[in-house]
N, C-alpha and C. Protein backbone atom coordinates (compact mmCIF):
# COMPACT_ATOMS: atom_id res chain seq x y z
N UNK A 1 -64.02 57.84 13.74
CA UNK A 1 -64.08 57.67 15.19
C UNK A 1 -64.17 56.18 15.51
N UNK A 2 -63.35 55.73 16.46
CA UNK A 2 -63.36 54.33 16.87
C UNK A 2 -64.52 54.04 17.80
N UNK A 3 -65.14 52.88 17.63
CA UNK A 3 -66.18 52.49 18.58
C UNK A 3 -65.53 51.79 19.78
N UNK A 4 -66.32 51.62 20.84
CA UNK A 4 -65.80 51.06 22.09
C UNK A 4 -65.27 49.64 21.91
N UNK A 5 -65.93 48.83 21.11
CA UNK A 5 -65.47 47.46 20.88
C UNK A 5 -64.09 47.46 20.22
N UNK A 6 -63.85 48.35 19.28
CA UNK A 6 -62.56 48.45 18.62
C UNK A 6 -61.48 48.87 19.60
N UNK A 7 -61.78 49.86 20.43
CA UNK A 7 -60.82 50.34 21.43
C UNK A 7 -60.45 49.23 22.40
N UNK A 8 -61.44 48.46 22.83
CA UNK A 8 -61.16 47.36 23.78
C UNK A 8 -60.33 46.26 23.12
N UNK A 9 -60.61 45.94 21.87
CA UNK A 9 -59.82 44.93 21.16
C UNK A 9 -58.38 45.41 20.99
N UNK A 10 -58.19 46.68 20.67
CA UNK A 10 -56.84 47.23 20.56
C UNK A 10 -56.11 47.15 21.90
N UNK A 11 -56.83 47.37 22.99
CA UNK A 11 -56.23 47.29 24.32
C UNK A 11 -55.79 45.86 24.63
N UNK A 12 -56.59 44.88 24.25
CA UNK A 12 -56.21 43.48 24.46
C UNK A 12 -54.99 43.11 23.61
N UNK A 13 -54.96 43.59 22.37
CA UNK A 13 -53.81 43.33 21.51
C UNK A 13 -52.55 43.99 22.08
N UNK A 14 -52.70 45.20 22.58
CA UNK A 14 -51.55 45.89 23.19
C UNK A 14 -51.07 45.13 24.42
N UNK A 15 -51.99 44.53 25.18
CA UNK A 15 -51.61 43.73 26.35
C UNK A 15 -50.76 42.54 25.93
N UNK A 16 -51.12 41.89 24.83
CA UNK A 16 -50.33 40.76 24.34
C UNK A 16 -48.91 41.22 23.97
N UNK A 17 -48.82 42.35 23.30
CA UNK A 17 -47.50 42.89 22.92
C UNK A 17 -46.68 43.26 24.15
N UNK A 18 -47.34 43.90 25.12
CA UNK A 18 -46.66 44.32 26.34
C UNK A 18 -46.13 43.11 27.11
N UNK A 19 -46.92 42.05 27.17
CA UNK A 19 -46.49 40.84 27.88
C UNK A 19 -45.29 40.22 27.17
N UNK A 20 -45.34 40.14 25.84
CA UNK A 20 -44.20 39.57 25.09
C UNK A 20 -42.94 40.41 25.29
N UNK A 21 -43.11 41.72 25.36
CA UNK A 21 -41.97 42.63 25.52
C UNK A 21 -41.58 42.86 26.98
N UNK A 22 -42.36 42.29 27.88
CA UNK A 22 -42.12 42.43 29.33
C UNK A 22 -42.10 43.89 29.77
N UNK A 23 -43.03 44.67 29.23
CA UNK A 23 -43.13 46.08 29.61
C UNK A 23 -43.60 46.21 31.04
N UNK A 24 -43.16 47.26 31.69
CA UNK A 24 -43.55 47.58 33.07
C UNK A 24 -44.02 49.02 33.12
N UNK A 25 -44.94 49.35 34.03
CA UNK A 25 -45.31 50.75 34.20
C UNK A 25 -44.08 51.58 34.58
N UNK A 26 -44.12 52.85 34.21
CA UNK A 26 -43.03 53.77 34.52
C UNK A 26 -43.23 54.29 35.94
N UNK A 27 -42.23 54.10 36.80
CA UNK A 27 -42.31 54.56 38.19
C UNK A 27 -41.83 56.01 38.26
N UNK A 28 -42.70 56.87 38.76
CA UNK A 28 -42.44 58.31 38.82
C UNK A 28 -41.59 58.67 40.04
N UNK A 29 -40.59 59.53 39.80
CA UNK A 29 -39.73 60.04 40.88
C UNK A 29 -40.02 61.52 41.11
N UNK A 30 -39.50 62.05 42.20
CA UNK A 30 -39.61 63.48 42.48
C UNK A 30 -38.99 64.28 41.34
N UNK A 31 -37.84 63.81 40.86
CA UNK A 31 -37.13 64.52 39.79
C UNK A 31 -37.97 64.56 38.50
N UNK A 32 -38.66 63.46 38.21
CA UNK A 32 -39.54 63.44 37.04
C UNK A 32 -40.59 64.55 37.14
N UNK A 33 -41.26 64.61 38.28
CA UNK A 33 -42.31 65.62 38.46
C UNK A 33 -41.74 67.03 38.33
N UNK A 34 -40.58 67.26 38.94
CA UNK A 34 -39.95 68.58 38.86
C UNK A 34 -39.61 68.94 37.41
N UNK A 35 -39.05 67.99 36.68
CA UNK A 35 -38.69 68.23 35.27
C UNK A 35 -39.93 68.51 34.43
N UNK A 36 -40.98 67.72 34.60
CA UNK A 36 -42.20 67.92 33.81
C UNK A 36 -42.86 69.25 34.13
N UNK A 37 -42.87 69.63 35.41
CA UNK A 37 -43.47 70.92 35.79
C UNK A 37 -42.65 72.09 35.24
N UNK A 38 -41.33 71.97 35.30
CA UNK A 38 -40.46 73.04 34.77
C UNK A 38 -40.65 73.17 33.26
N UNK A 39 -40.73 72.06 32.57
CA UNK A 39 -40.96 72.10 31.12
C UNK A 39 -42.29 72.72 30.78
N UNK A 40 -43.32 72.36 31.53
CA UNK A 40 -44.65 72.93 31.30
C UNK A 40 -44.65 74.44 31.55
N UNK A 41 -43.96 74.87 32.61
CA UNK A 41 -43.86 76.30 32.92
C UNK A 41 -43.14 77.05 31.81
N UNK A 42 -42.23 76.37 31.11
CA UNK A 42 -41.49 76.98 30.01
C UNK A 42 -42.25 76.89 28.68
N UNK A 43 -43.46 76.33 28.74
CA UNK A 43 -44.29 76.26 27.55
C UNK A 43 -44.17 74.99 26.74
N UNK A 44 -43.58 73.95 27.34
CA UNK A 44 -43.40 72.69 26.61
C UNK A 44 -44.26 71.60 27.24
N UNK A 45 -45.01 70.88 26.41
CA UNK A 45 -45.76 69.73 26.90
C UNK A 45 -44.78 68.60 27.17
N UNK A 46 -44.90 67.92 28.31
CA UNK A 46 -43.99 66.81 28.61
C UNK A 46 -44.14 65.68 27.59
N UNK A 47 -43.06 64.97 27.37
CA UNK A 47 -43.10 63.73 26.59
C UNK A 47 -43.21 62.61 27.62
N UNK A 48 -44.38 62.08 27.77
CA UNK A 48 -44.63 61.09 28.81
C UNK A 48 -43.94 59.77 28.49
N UNK A 49 -43.29 59.16 29.48
CA UNK A 49 -42.60 57.88 29.26
C UNK A 49 -43.46 56.66 29.56
N UNK A 50 -44.76 56.86 29.69
CA UNK A 50 -45.64 55.77 30.10
C UNK A 50 -45.88 54.79 28.94
N UNK A 51 -45.54 53.52 29.13
CA UNK A 51 -45.76 52.55 28.07
C UNK A 51 -47.25 52.22 27.93
N UNK A 52 -47.62 51.77 26.76
CA UNK A 52 -49.00 51.32 26.54
C UNK A 52 -49.01 49.82 26.81
N UNK A 53 -49.64 49.42 27.91
CA UNK A 53 -49.69 48.00 28.26
C UNK A 53 -51.08 47.41 28.13
N UNK A 54 -52.05 48.22 27.72
CA UNK A 54 -53.40 47.70 27.56
C UNK A 54 -53.92 47.10 28.85
N UNK A 55 -54.50 45.91 28.77
CA UNK A 55 -55.07 45.26 29.94
C UNK A 55 -54.06 44.41 30.71
N UNK A 56 -52.82 44.41 30.28
CA UNK A 56 -51.77 43.61 30.91
C UNK A 56 -51.37 44.19 32.26
N UNK A 57 -51.25 43.33 33.26
CA UNK A 57 -50.71 43.72 34.57
C UNK A 57 -49.51 42.82 34.82
N UNK A 58 -48.29 43.37 34.80
CA UNK A 58 -47.09 42.55 34.98
C UNK A 58 -47.08 41.80 36.31
N UNK A 59 -46.42 40.65 36.31
CA UNK A 59 -46.31 39.82 37.51
C UNK A 59 -45.72 40.64 38.66
N UNK A 60 -46.37 40.56 39.81
CA UNK A 60 -45.90 41.26 41.00
C UNK A 60 -46.46 42.66 41.16
N UNK A 61 -46.96 43.23 40.08
CA UNK A 61 -47.55 44.57 40.14
C UNK A 61 -49.02 44.43 40.49
N UNK A 62 -49.59 45.49 41.05
CA UNK A 62 -51.03 45.50 41.34
C UNK A 62 -51.62 46.80 40.82
N UNK A 63 -52.84 46.70 40.33
CA UNK A 63 -53.53 47.92 39.93
C UNK A 63 -53.89 48.69 41.19
N UNK A 64 -53.71 49.98 41.14
CA UNK A 64 -54.04 50.85 42.27
C UNK A 64 -55.55 50.88 42.47
N UNK A 65 -55.95 51.29 43.65
CA UNK A 65 -57.38 51.46 43.94
C UNK A 65 -57.97 52.64 43.17
N UNK A 66 -57.11 53.55 42.72
CA UNK A 66 -57.58 54.73 42.00
C UNK A 66 -57.98 54.33 40.58
N UNK A 67 -59.07 54.89 40.13
CA UNK A 67 -59.52 54.63 38.75
C UNK A 67 -58.53 55.24 37.76
N UNK A 68 -58.37 54.62 36.58
CA UNK A 68 -57.51 55.24 35.56
C UNK A 68 -57.99 56.66 35.23
N UNK A 69 -57.05 57.51 34.90
CA UNK A 69 -57.36 58.90 34.58
C UNK A 69 -57.59 59.04 33.08
N UNK A 70 -58.73 59.61 32.72
CA UNK A 70 -59.12 59.84 31.32
C UNK A 70 -58.44 61.13 30.86
N UNK A 71 -57.52 61.03 29.89
CA UNK A 71 -56.71 62.17 29.48
C UNK A 71 -56.87 62.50 28.01
N UNK A 72 -56.73 63.76 27.70
CA UNK A 72 -56.71 64.23 26.33
C UNK A 72 -55.30 64.02 25.79
N UNK A 73 -55.15 63.46 24.60
CA UNK A 73 -53.81 63.17 24.05
C UNK A 73 -52.98 64.42 23.80
N UNK A 74 -53.61 65.52 23.42
CA UNK A 74 -52.83 66.72 23.11
C UNK A 74 -52.53 67.54 24.37
N UNK A 75 -53.10 67.15 25.51
CA UNK A 75 -52.80 67.82 26.76
C UNK A 75 -53.70 68.98 27.12
N UNK A 76 -54.64 69.33 26.24
CA UNK A 76 -55.49 70.49 26.49
C UNK A 76 -56.69 70.22 27.38
N UNK A 77 -57.10 68.96 27.51
CA UNK A 77 -58.35 68.67 28.19
C UNK A 77 -59.50 69.09 27.29
N UNK A 78 -60.70 68.84 27.73
CA UNK A 78 -61.84 69.22 26.88
C UNK A 78 -62.93 69.88 27.69
N UNK A 79 -62.55 70.69 28.62
CA UNK A 79 -63.54 71.42 29.40
C UNK A 79 -64.11 70.63 30.57
N UNK A 80 -63.40 69.63 31.04
CA UNK A 80 -63.85 68.95 32.24
C UNK A 80 -63.99 67.45 32.12
N UNK A 81 -64.25 66.92 30.92
CA UNK A 81 -64.43 65.47 30.80
C UNK A 81 -63.10 64.74 30.79
N UNK A 82 -62.10 65.27 30.11
CA UNK A 82 -60.79 64.62 30.10
C UNK A 82 -59.75 65.54 30.73
N UNK A 83 -58.76 64.90 31.33
CA UNK A 83 -57.74 65.65 32.07
C UNK A 83 -56.76 66.34 31.13
N UNK A 84 -56.32 67.49 31.55
CA UNK A 84 -55.29 68.23 30.84
C UNK A 84 -53.91 67.78 31.35
N UNK A 85 -52.86 68.32 30.76
CA UNK A 85 -51.50 68.03 31.22
C UNK A 85 -51.35 68.43 32.69
N UNK A 86 -51.88 69.58 33.06
CA UNK A 86 -51.80 70.04 34.45
C UNK A 86 -52.53 69.08 35.39
N UNK A 87 -53.71 68.61 34.94
CA UNK A 87 -54.47 67.65 35.75
C UNK A 87 -53.68 66.36 35.96
N UNK A 88 -53.06 65.87 34.90
CA UNK A 88 -52.27 64.64 34.99
C UNK A 88 -51.10 64.82 35.94
N UNK A 89 -50.40 65.94 35.84
CA UNK A 89 -49.28 66.20 36.75
C UNK A 89 -49.73 66.23 38.21
N UNK A 90 -50.89 66.81 38.46
CA UNK A 90 -51.40 66.88 39.83
C UNK A 90 -51.83 65.49 40.33
N UNK A 91 -52.20 64.61 39.43
CA UNK A 91 -52.70 63.28 39.79
C UNK A 91 -51.57 62.29 40.08
N UNK A 92 -50.42 62.45 39.43
CA UNK A 92 -49.31 61.51 39.56
C UNK A 92 -48.73 61.52 40.98
N UNK A 93 -48.32 60.33 41.43
CA UNK A 93 -47.73 60.21 42.76
C UNK A 93 -46.35 59.54 42.66
N UNK A 94 -45.42 60.06 43.42
CA UNK A 94 -44.06 59.52 43.46
C UNK A 94 -44.10 58.08 43.99
N UNK A 95 -43.34 57.20 43.33
CA UNK A 95 -43.23 55.83 43.78
C UNK A 95 -44.25 54.88 43.18
N UNK A 96 -45.19 55.40 42.44
CA UNK A 96 -46.18 54.56 41.77
C UNK A 96 -45.83 54.45 40.30
N UNK A 97 -46.30 53.36 39.67
CA UNK A 97 -46.05 53.15 38.26
C UNK A 97 -47.25 53.59 37.44
N UNK A 98 -46.98 54.09 36.24
CA UNK A 98 -48.05 54.57 35.36
C UNK A 98 -47.87 54.02 33.96
N UNK A 99 -49.00 53.68 33.35
CA UNK A 99 -48.98 53.15 31.99
C UNK A 99 -50.32 53.47 31.32
N UNK A 100 -50.30 53.51 30.00
CA UNK A 100 -51.53 53.67 29.24
C UNK A 100 -52.24 52.32 29.25
N UNK A 101 -53.50 52.33 29.65
CA UNK A 101 -54.26 51.09 29.74
C UNK A 101 -55.34 50.99 28.67
N UNK A 102 -55.67 52.11 28.06
CA UNK A 102 -56.64 52.12 26.96
C UNK A 102 -56.42 53.39 26.15
N UNK A 103 -56.51 53.26 24.82
CA UNK A 103 -56.22 54.40 23.97
C UNK A 103 -57.17 54.45 22.79
N UNK A 104 -57.73 55.63 22.57
CA UNK A 104 -58.56 55.88 21.41
C UNK A 104 -57.86 56.87 20.50
N UNK A 105 -58.63 57.48 19.60
CA UNK A 105 -58.03 58.42 18.65
C UNK A 105 -57.56 59.71 19.30
N UNK A 106 -58.33 60.22 20.26
CA UNK A 106 -58.05 61.53 20.82
C UNK A 106 -57.80 61.54 22.32
N UNK A 107 -58.21 60.49 23.00
CA UNK A 107 -58.02 60.39 24.44
C UNK A 107 -57.44 59.04 24.79
N UNK A 108 -57.00 58.94 26.04
CA UNK A 108 -56.49 57.68 26.56
C UNK A 108 -56.73 57.62 28.06
N UNK A 109 -56.57 56.43 28.61
CA UNK A 109 -56.64 56.23 30.05
C UNK A 109 -55.25 55.88 30.55
N UNK A 110 -54.82 56.59 31.61
CA UNK A 110 -53.56 56.28 32.28
C UNK A 110 -53.91 55.58 33.58
N UNK A 111 -53.36 54.37 33.74
CA UNK A 111 -53.60 53.60 34.96
C UNK A 111 -52.45 53.76 35.94
N UNK A 112 -52.79 53.62 37.21
CA UNK A 112 -51.78 53.69 38.27
C UNK A 112 -51.56 52.29 38.83
N UNK A 113 -50.29 51.94 39.05
CA UNK A 113 -49.93 50.60 39.51
C UNK A 113 -49.01 50.68 40.72
N UNK A 114 -49.15 49.68 41.58
CA UNK A 114 -48.30 49.57 42.76
C UNK A 114 -47.15 48.61 42.39
N UNK A 115 -45.90 49.10 42.45
CA UNK A 115 -44.76 48.23 42.12
C UNK A 115 -44.61 47.10 43.14
N UNK A 116 -43.96 46.01 42.76
CA UNK A 116 -43.79 44.88 43.67
C UNK A 116 -43.11 45.25 44.99
N UNK A 117 -42.18 46.20 44.96
CA UNK A 117 -41.42 46.54 46.17
C UNK A 117 -42.10 47.60 47.04
N UNK A 118 -43.31 48.02 46.71
CA UNK A 118 -43.97 49.10 47.43
C UNK A 118 -44.99 48.60 48.45
N UNK A 119 -45.21 47.33 48.53
CA UNK A 119 -46.28 46.81 49.40
C UNK A 119 -45.94 46.91 50.81
């Protein structure tokens, strides 16, 4: 099990990689939500396109006022502490960008970002 200091250091390292690669949060569309919901209804867990950017916030983007969502990596949730796939789908909003901002062995945090053109 990773300790909190290790997870935070990994997040900072991921931020350096994301900055070098010029990664941006994935902006969700109506079609994305429809596809993910249809796949889930058919018994398939979505393959999320959210990049891991750690603590990096790309130029022009802003972190949303909403706190990052604590999610279970396998999509099952854990009885209330971490979000399930269904919880994540209900939380996502069209037109906002999403990225992994912190990741441990079994859970991660998905952050919400305001794209430069949305202000």
